Amino acid sequence: MSRLRRTGVMAAALAMAALATGCGIRTTSVPVDAGPAPSRVPCDVPGEEAAAQTTGIAVRVFLVCGSQLDAVDRRSPLQEEKADGDPVRTAAALLAQLQSEPSQSERQAGFSTAVKGPLTVTGGRQGDPADTLRLSRQPEDLTATALSQIVCTFAGSPAGVGEDTVVLGGPGDYAPRRYRCTAEVRQRPDSAVPTAAAPTPPPKPSLS
């Protein structure tokens, strides 16, 4: 290779190195882990949609967003005077909301629901603890995510029994159980929902 050609090659190499440095590029032989790509799911419904809904009563339901549960404010067509003080009516209205498809704004924000119909709710039977709600399917037969949505939605409403819990049963003869909505359930709705035995109702006084 002639001296003139070698000089040209070296000059081109120096120019390319200077260009890379000017662009802020640093060469390295060590692989760099930049971490996972940032999520583009906002999990936040614009306030204008909720404000535009003026009919019905305000309710809060838990929907799936990403891999977690997030609360969404909606308006239920149930009249307030019918829902006030009636846990069964409140639960029925909330369950209907959970089974309805998310609105366009909710879908754009990344929300979905795992609660699929047909699914209904009624009050407890004779001998059940107070404030028991019985679903038309056994709670353990639902997917973990669907049950997590129902438990957290009911527990945070007048249908719950306090302390983020709700007493649920199914159509069978199995005793109802107390289900708790915890921070872990909201963060991992696909995991098992914590349960405990429901309180036994006191015996009826003897008539004798």
C-alpha atoms as a PDB file:
ATOM      1  CA  MET A   1       0.000   0.000   0.000  1.00  0.00           C
ATOM      2  CA  SER A   2       1.422   3.382  -0.956  1.00  0.00           C
ATOM      3  CA  ARG A   3       2.192   5.996   1.704  1.00  0.00           C
ATOM      4  CA  LEU A   4      -0.443   8.307   0.256  1.00  0.00           C
ATOM      5  CA  ARG A   5      -3.120   5.599   0.458  1.00  0.00           C
ATOM      6  CA  ARG A   6      -2.190   4.702   4.047  1.00  0.00           C
ATOM      7  CA  THR A   7      -2.473   8.341   5.010  1.00  0.00           C
ATOM      8  CA  GLY A   8      -5.965   8.528   3.471  1.00  0.00           C
ATOM      9  CA  VAL A   9      -7.162   5.436   5.353  1.00  0.00           C
ATOM     10  CA  MET A  10      -5.906   6.790   8.676  1.00  0.00           C
ATOM     11  CA  ALA A  11      -7.588  10.134   8.062  1.00  0.00           C
ATOM     12  CA  ALA A  12     -10.911   8.442   7.325  1.00  0.00           C
ATOM     13  CA  ALA A  13     -10.651   6.366  10.506  1.00  0.00           C
ATOM     14  CA  LEU A  14      -9.925   9.453  12.618  1.00  0.00           C
ATOM     15  CA  ALA A  15     -12.899  11.253  11.085  1.00  0.00           C
ATOM     16  CA  MET A  16     -15.272   8.413  11.921  1.00  0.00           C
ATOM     17  CA  ALA A  17     -13.997   8.276  15.518  1.00  0.00           C
ATOM     18  CA  ALA A  18     -14.513  12.007  15.898  1.00  0.00           C
ATOM     19  CA  LEU A  19     -18.047  11.735  14.510  1.00  0.00           C
ATOM     20  CA  ALA A  20     -18.965   8.983  17.005  1.00  0.00           C
ATOM     21  CA  THR A  21     -17.561  11.007  19.904  1.00  0.00           C
ATOM     22  CA  GLY A  22     -19.483  14.082  18.813  1.00  0.00           C
ATOM     23  CA  CYS A  23     -22.738  12.085  18.853  1.00  0.00           C
ATOM     24  CA  GLY A  24     -22.152  11.007  22.418  1.00  0.00           C
ATOM     25  CA  ILE A  25     -21.441   7.373  21.509  1.00  0.00           C
ATOM     26  CA  ARG A  26     -18.932   5.603  23.680  1.00  0.00           C
ATOM     27  CA  THR A  27     -17.642   2.274  22.517  1.00  0.00           C
ATOM     28  CA  THR A  28     -17.567  -0.527  25.074  1.00  0.00           C
ATOM     29  CA  SER A  29     -16.891  -4.245  25.015  1.00  0.00           C
ATOM     30  CA  VAL A  30     -19.208  -4.858  28.018  1.00  0.00           C
ATOM     31  CA  PRO A  31     -22.906  -5.634  27.255  1.00  0.00           C
ATOM     32  CA  VAL A  32     -25.214  -2.982  28.703  1.00  0.00           C
ATOM     33  CA  ASP A  33     -28.606  -3.910  30.180  1.00  0.00           C
ATOM     34  CA  ALA A  34     -30.856  -0.900  29.742  1.00  0.00           C
ATOM     35  CA  GLY A  35     -33.701  -2.609  31.595  1.00  0.00           C
ATOM     36  CA  PRO A  36     -37.225  -3.268  30.367  1.00  0.00           C
ATOM     37  CA  ALA A  37     -38.874  -0.846  28.037  1.00  0.00           C
ATOM     38  CA  PRO A  38     -41.063   1.687  29.884  1.00  0.00           C
ATOM     39  CA  SER A  39     -44.750   0.780  29.996  1.00  0.00           C
ATOM     40  CA  ARG A  40     -47.051   2.861  27.827  1.00  0.00           C
ATOM     41  CA  VAL A  41     -50.179   1.822  29.751  1.00  0.00           C
ATOM     42  CA  PRO A  42     -51.377   4.912  31.653  1.00  0.00           C
ATOM     43  CA  CYS A  43     -54.032   3.166  33.826  1.00  0.00           C
ATOM     44  CA  ASP A  44     -55.730   6.530  34.171  1.00  0.00           C
ATOM     45  CA  VAL A  45     -59.119   7.385  32.669  1.00  0.00           C
ATOM     46  CA  PRO A  46     -59.517  11.071  31.738  1.00  0.00           C
ATOM     47  CA  GLY A  47     -61.639  12.911  34.273  1.00  0.00           C
ATOM     48  CA  GLU A  48     -63.792  14.418  31.549  1.00  0.00           C
ATOM     49  CA  GLU A  49     -65.535  11.093  30.935  1.00  0.00           C
ATOM     50  CA  ALA A  50     -66.546  10.617  34.573  1.00  0.00           C
ATOM     51  CA  ALA A  51     -67.637  14.224  34.818  1.00  0.00           C
ATOM     52  CA  ALA A  52     -69.834  13.841  31.738  1.00  0.00           C
ATOM     53  CA  GLN A  53     -71.819  11.041  33.389  1.00  0.00           C
ATOM     54  CA  THR A  54     -74.357  12.706  35.644  1.00  0.00           C
ATOM     55  CA  THR A  55     -77.067  10.036  35.928  1.00  0.00           C
ATOM     56  CA  GLY A  56     -77.067   7.135  38.364  1.00  0.00           C
ATOM     57  CA  ILE A  57     -74.997   6.720  41.488  1.00  0.00           C
ATOM     58  CA  ALA A  58     -71.222   6.904  41.735  1.00  0.00           C
ATOM     59  CA  VAL A  59     -69.564   3.504  42.148  1.00  0.00           C
ATOM     60  CA  ARG A  60     -65.980   2.289  42.194  1.00  0.00           C
ATOM     61  CA  VAL A  61     -64.932  -0.980  40.598  1.00  0.00           C
ATOM     62  CA  PHE A  62     -61.574  -2.692  40.263  1.00  0.00           C
ATOM     63  CA  LEU A  63     -60.476  -3.495  36.714  1.00  0.00           C
ATOM     64  CA  VAL A  64     -57.330  -5.116  35.366  1.00  0.00           C
ATOM     65  CA  CYS A  65     -54.631  -2.817  34.041  1.00  0.00           C
ATOM     66  CA  GLY A  66     -51.321  -4.340  33.075  1.00  0.00           C
ATOM     67  CA  SER A  67     -50.813  -7.071  35.663  1.00  0.00           C
ATOM     68  CA  GLN A  68     -52.531  -5.254  38.542  1.00  0.00           C
ATOM     69  CA  LEU A  69     -55.944  -4.107  39.746  1.00  0.00           C
ATOM     70  CA  ASP A  70     -56.783  -0.413  39.645  1.00  0.00           C
ATOM     71  CA  ALA A  71     -59.928   1.354  40.790  1.00  0.00           C
ATOM     72  CA  VAL A  72     -62.147   3.052  38.205  1.00  0.00           C
ATOM     73  CA  ASP A  73     -64.993   5.426  39.042  1.00  0.00           C
ATOM     74  CA  ARG A  74     -68.231   4.851  37.169  1.00  0.00           C
ATOM     75  CA  ARG A  75     -71.919   5.703  37.304  1.00  0.00           C
ATOM     76  CA  SER A  76     -74.401   2.909  37.935  1.00  0.00           C
ATOM     77  CA  PRO A  77     -77.935   3.220  36.535  1.00  0.00           C
ATOM     78  CA  LEU A  78     -79.259   1.972  39.894  1.00  0.00           C
ATOM     79  CA  GLN A  79     -81.075   4.735  41.727  1.00  0.00           C
ATOM     80  CA  GLU A  80     -79.429   5.861  44.929  1.00  0.00           C
ATOM     81  CA  GLU A  81     -82.499   5.371  47.094  1.00  0.00           C
ATOM     82  CA  LYS A  82     -82.712   1.724  45.975  1.00  0.00           C
ATOM     83  CA  ALA A  83     -79.043   0.963  46.683  1.00  0.00           C
ATOM     84  CA  ASP A  84     -78.729   2.841  49.963  1.00  0.00           C
ATOM     85  CA  GLY A  85     -78.538   0.422  52.877  1.00  0.00           C
ATOM     86  CA  ASP A  86     -79.075  -2.675  50.732  1.00  0.00           C
ATOM     87  CA  PRO A  87     -75.832  -4.661  50.316  1.00  0.00           C
ATOM     88  CA  VAL A  88     -77.394  -7.127  47.878  1.00  0.00           C
ATOM     89  CA  ARG A  89     -78.584  -4.395  45.496  1.00  0.00           C
ATOM     90  CA  THR A  90     -75.233  -2.689  45.776  1.00  0.00           C
ATOM     91  CA  ALA A  91     -73.394  -5.950  45.021  1.00  0.00           C
ATOM     92  CA  ALA A  92     -75.673  -6.669  42.053  1.00  0.00           C
ATOM     93  CA  ALA A  93     -75.016  -3.213  40.586  1.00  0.00           C
ATOM     94  CA  LEU A  94     -71.259  -3.594  41.077  1.00  0.00           C
ATOM     95  CA  LEU A  95     -71.242  -7.083  39.566  1.00  0.00           C
ATOM     96  CA  ALA A  96     -73.064  -5.782  36.496  1.00  0.00           C
ATOM     97  CA  GLN A  97     -70.406  -3.095  36.133  1.00  0.00           C
ATOM     98  CA  LEU A  98     -67.615  -5.668  36.395  1.00  0.00           C
ATOM     99  CA  GLN A  99     -69.195  -7.787  33.647  1.00  0.00           C
ATOM    100  CA  SER A 100     -69.710  -4.867  31.270  1.00  0.00           C
ATOM    101  CA  GLU A 101     -67.068  -4.187  28.645  1.00  0.00           C
ATOM    102  CA  PRO A 102     -64.746  -1.271  29.458  1.00  0.00           C
ATOM    103  CA  SER A 103     -65.548   1.988  27.712  1.00  0.00           C
ATOM    104  CA  GLN A 104     -63.385   3.273  24.879  1.00  0.00           C
ATOM    105  CA  SER A 105     -61.513   5.600  27.231  1.00  0.00           C
ATOM    106  CA  GLU A 106     -60.935   2.760  29.692  1.00  0.00           C
ATOM    107  CA  ARG A 107     -59.637   0.491  26.929  1.00  0.00           C
ATOM    108  CA  GLN A 108     -57.311   3.201  25.696  1.00  0.00           C
ATOM    109  CA  ALA A 109     -56.027   3.576  29.258  1.00  0.00           C
ATOM    110  CA  GLY A 110     -55.264  -0.149  29.325  1.00  0.00           C
ATOM    111  CA  PHE A 111     -58.200  -1.469  31.375  1.00  0.00           C
ATOM    112  CA  SER A 112     -59.931  -4.819  30.914  1.00  0.00           C
ATOM    113  CA  THR A 113     -62.076  -7.165  33.004  1.00  0.00           C
ATOM    114  CA  ALA A 114     -61.808 -10.890  33.700  1.00  0.00           C
ATOM    115  CA  VAL A 115     -65.343 -11.143  35.146  1.00  0.00           C
ATOM    116  CA  LYS A 116     -67.502 -12.881  32.561  1.00  0.00           C
ATOM    117  CA  GLY A 117     -71.223 -13.580  32.647  1.00  0.00           C
ATOM    118  CA  PRO A 118     -73.631 -14.969  33.229  1.00  0.00           C
ATOM    119  CA  LEU A 119     -72.993 -14.305  36.911  1.00  0.00           C
ATOM    120  CA  THR A 120     -75.462 -13.040  39.504  1.00  0.00           C
ATOM    121  CA  VAL A 121     -75.449 -12.411  43.234  1.00  0.00           C
ATOM    122  CA  THR A 122     -78.090 -12.879  45.939  1.00  0.00           C
ATOM    123  CA  GLY A 123     -78.249 -12.607  49.691  1.00  0.00           C
ATOM    124  CA  GLY A 124     -77.354 -15.312  52.152  1.00  0.00           C
ATOM    125  CA  ARG A 125     -79.456 -18.294  53.155  1.00  0.00           C
ATOM    126  CA  GLN A 126     -80.882 -19.219  56.497  1.00  0.00           C
ATOM    127  CA  GLY A 127     -78.000 -20.076  58.794  1.00  0.00           C
ATOM    128  CA  ASP A 128     -75.448 -17.993  56.847  1.00  0.00           C
ATOM    129  CA  PRO A 129     -73.478 -15.285  58.658  1.00  0.00           C
ATOM    130  CA  ALA A 130     -74.880 -11.778  58.432  1.00  0.00           C
ATOM    131  CA  ASP A 131     -74.110  -9.865  55.207  1.00  0.00           C
ATOM    132  CA  THR A 132     -73.325 -13.047  53.276  1.00  0.00           C
ATOM    133  CA  LEU A 133     -73.481 -12.737  49.488  1.00  0.00           C
ATOM    134  CA  ARG A 134     -73.906 -15.830  47.352  1.00  0.00           C
ATOM    135  CA  LEU A 135     -72.777 -15.902  43.739  1.00  0.00           C
ATOM    136  CA  SER A 136     -74.425 -18.054  41.080  1.00  0.00           C
ATOM    137  CA  ARG A 137     -71.067 -19.850  40.707  1.00  0.00           C
ATOM    138  CA  GLN A 138     -68.749 -21.111  43.420  1.00  0.00           C
ATOM    139  CA  PRO A 139     -66.107 -18.434  44.087  1.00  0.00           C
ATOM    140  CA  GLU A 140     -63.296 -20.999  43.755  1.00  0.00           C
ATOM    141  CA  ASP A 141     -64.577 -21.931  40.292  1.00  0.00           C
ATOM    142  CA  LEU A 142     -63.886 -18.409  39.016  1.00  0.00           C
ATOM    143  CA  THR A 143     -60.483 -17.441  37.690  1.00  0.00           C
ATOM    144  CA  ALA A 144     -58.209 -15.954  40.344  1.00  0.00           C
ATOM    145  CA  THR A 145     -58.226 -12.583  38.581  1.00  0.00           C
ATOM    146  CA  ALA A 146     -62.031 -12.458  38.299  1.00  0.00           C
ATOM    147  CA  LEU A 147     -62.432 -13.381  41.960  1.00  0.00           C
ATOM    148  CA  SER A 148     -59.875 -10.741  42.948  1.00  0.00           C
ATOM    149  CA  GLN A 149     -61.857  -8.100  41.045  1.00  0.00           C
ATOM    150  CA  ILE A 150     -65.104  -9.119  42.745  1.00  0.00           C
ATOM    151  CA  VAL A 151     -63.595  -9.314  46.231  1.00  0.00           C
ATOM    152  CA  CYS A 152     -61.844  -5.942  46.043  1.00  0.00           C
ATOM    153  CA  THR A 153     -64.877  -4.237  44.473  1.00  0.00           C
ATOM    154  CA  PHE A 154     -67.347  -5.646  47.010  1.00  0.00           C
ATOM    155  CA  ALA A 155     -65.024  -5.192  50.004  1.00  0.00           C
ATOM    156  CA  GLY A 156     -64.578  -1.490  49.285  1.00  0.00           C
ATOM    157  CA  SER A 157     -68.332  -0.866  49.096  1.00  0.00           C
ATOM    158  CA  PRO A 158     -71.368  -1.155  51.418  1.00  0.00           C
ATOM    159  CA  ALA A 159     -71.572  -4.779  50.254  1.00  0.00           C
ATOM    160  CA  GLY A 160     -68.462  -5.569  52.309  1.00  0.00           C
ATOM    161  CA  VAL A 161     -68.265  -6.324  56.019  1.00  0.00           C
ATOM    162  CA  GLY A 162     -65.418  -3.967  56.910  1.00  0.00           C
ATOM    163  CA  GLU A 163     -61.637  -4.316  57.082  1.00  0.00           C
ATOM    164  CA  ASP A 164     -61.450  -4.824  53.303  1.00  0.00           C
ATOM    165  CA  THR A 165     -63.350  -8.109  53.519  1.00  0.00           C
ATOM    166  CA  VAL A 166     -66.516  -9.617  52.079  1.00  0.00           C
ATOM    167  CA  VAL A 167     -68.340 -12.847  52.927  1.00  0.00           C
ATOM    168  CA  LEU A 168     -68.986 -14.895  49.788  1.00  0.00           C
ATOM    169  CA  GLY A 169     -70.588 -18.216  49.028  1.00  0.00           C
ATOM    170  CA  GLY A 170     -71.874 -20.008  45.975  1.00  0.00           C
ATOM    171  CA  PRO A 171     -74.956 -21.941  44.894  1.00  0.00           C
ATOM    172  CA  GLY A 172     -73.783 -25.153  46.561  1.00  0.00           C
ATOM    173  CA  ASP A 173     -74.053 -26.279  50.155  1.00  0.00           C
ATOM    174  CA  TYR A 174     -70.515 -25.168  50.984  1.00  0.00           C
ATOM    175  CA  ALA A 175     -70.245 -22.746  53.885  1.00  0.00           C
ATOM    176  CA  PRO A 176     -69.485 -19.140  52.880  1.00  0.00           C
ATOM    177  CA  ARG A 177     -66.025 -17.783  53.601  1.00  0.00           C
ATOM    178  CA  ARG A 178     -64.527 -14.400  54.361  1.00  0.00           C
ATOM    179  CA  TYR A 179     -62.381 -13.049  51.507  1.00  0.00           C
ATOM    180  CA  ARG A 180     -59.889 -10.234  52.019  1.00  0.00           C
ATOM    181  CA  CYS A 181     -58.649  -7.662  49.499  1.00  0.00           C
ATOM    182  CA  THR A 182     -54.997  -7.029  50.326  1.00  0.00           C
ATOM    183  CA  ALA A 183     -52.281  -4.988  48.679  1.00  0.00           C
ATOM    184  CA  GLU A 184     -50.811  -8.225  47.330  1.00  0.00           C
ATOM    185  CA  VAL A 185     -54.148  -9.170  45.738  1.00  0.00           C
ATOM    186  CA  ARG A 186     -54.321  -5.788  44.005  1.00  0.00           C
ATOM    187  CA  GLN A 187     -50.730  -6.145  42.806  1.00  0.00           C
ATOM    188  CA  ARG A 188     -51.023  -9.840  41.859  1.00  0.00           C
ATOM    189  CA  PRO A 189     -54.691 -10.516  41.070  1.00  0.00           C
ATOM    190  CA  ASP A 190     -53.782 -13.822  39.447  1.00  0.00           C
ATOM    191  CA  SER A 191     -52.702 -15.213  42.814  1.00  0.00           C
ATOM    192  CA  ALA A 192     -54.989 -16.837  45.389  1.00  0.00           C
ATOM    193  CA  VAL A 193     -57.220 -14.523  47.410  1.00  0.00           C
ATOM    194  CA  PRO A 194     -56.729 -14.874  51.198  1.00  0.00           C
ATOM    195  CA  THR A 195     -59.720 -16.501  52.883  1.00  0.00           C
ATOM    196  CA  ALA A 196     -60.834 -17.285  56.403  1.00  0.00           C
ATOM    197  CA  ALA A 197     -63.794 -19.073  57.918  1.00  0.00           C
ATOM    198  CA  ALA A 198     -66.826 -16.841  58.120  1.00  0.00           C
ATOM    199  CA  PRO A 199     -68.134 -16.149  61.622  1.00  0.00           C
ATOM    200  CA  THR A 200     -70.752 -18.599  62.801  1.00  0.00           C
ATOM    201  CA  PRO A 201     -74.093 -16.927  63.458  1.00  0.00           C
ATOM    202  CA  PRO A 202     -75.273 -17.100  67.057  1.00  0.00           C
ATOM    203  CA  PRO A 203     -77.897 -19.764  67.801  1.00  0.00           C
ATOM    204  CA  LYS A 204     -81.480 -18.669  67.922  1.00  0.00           C
ATOM    205  CA  PRO A 205     -82.900 -18.357  71.434  1.00  0.00           C
ATOM    206  CA  SER A 206     -85.057 -21.228  72.584  1.00  0.00           C
ATOM    207  CA  LEU A 207     -88.802 -20.574  72.707  1.00  0.00           C
ATOM    208  CA  SER A 208     -89.251 -22.789  75.737  1.00  0.00           C
END
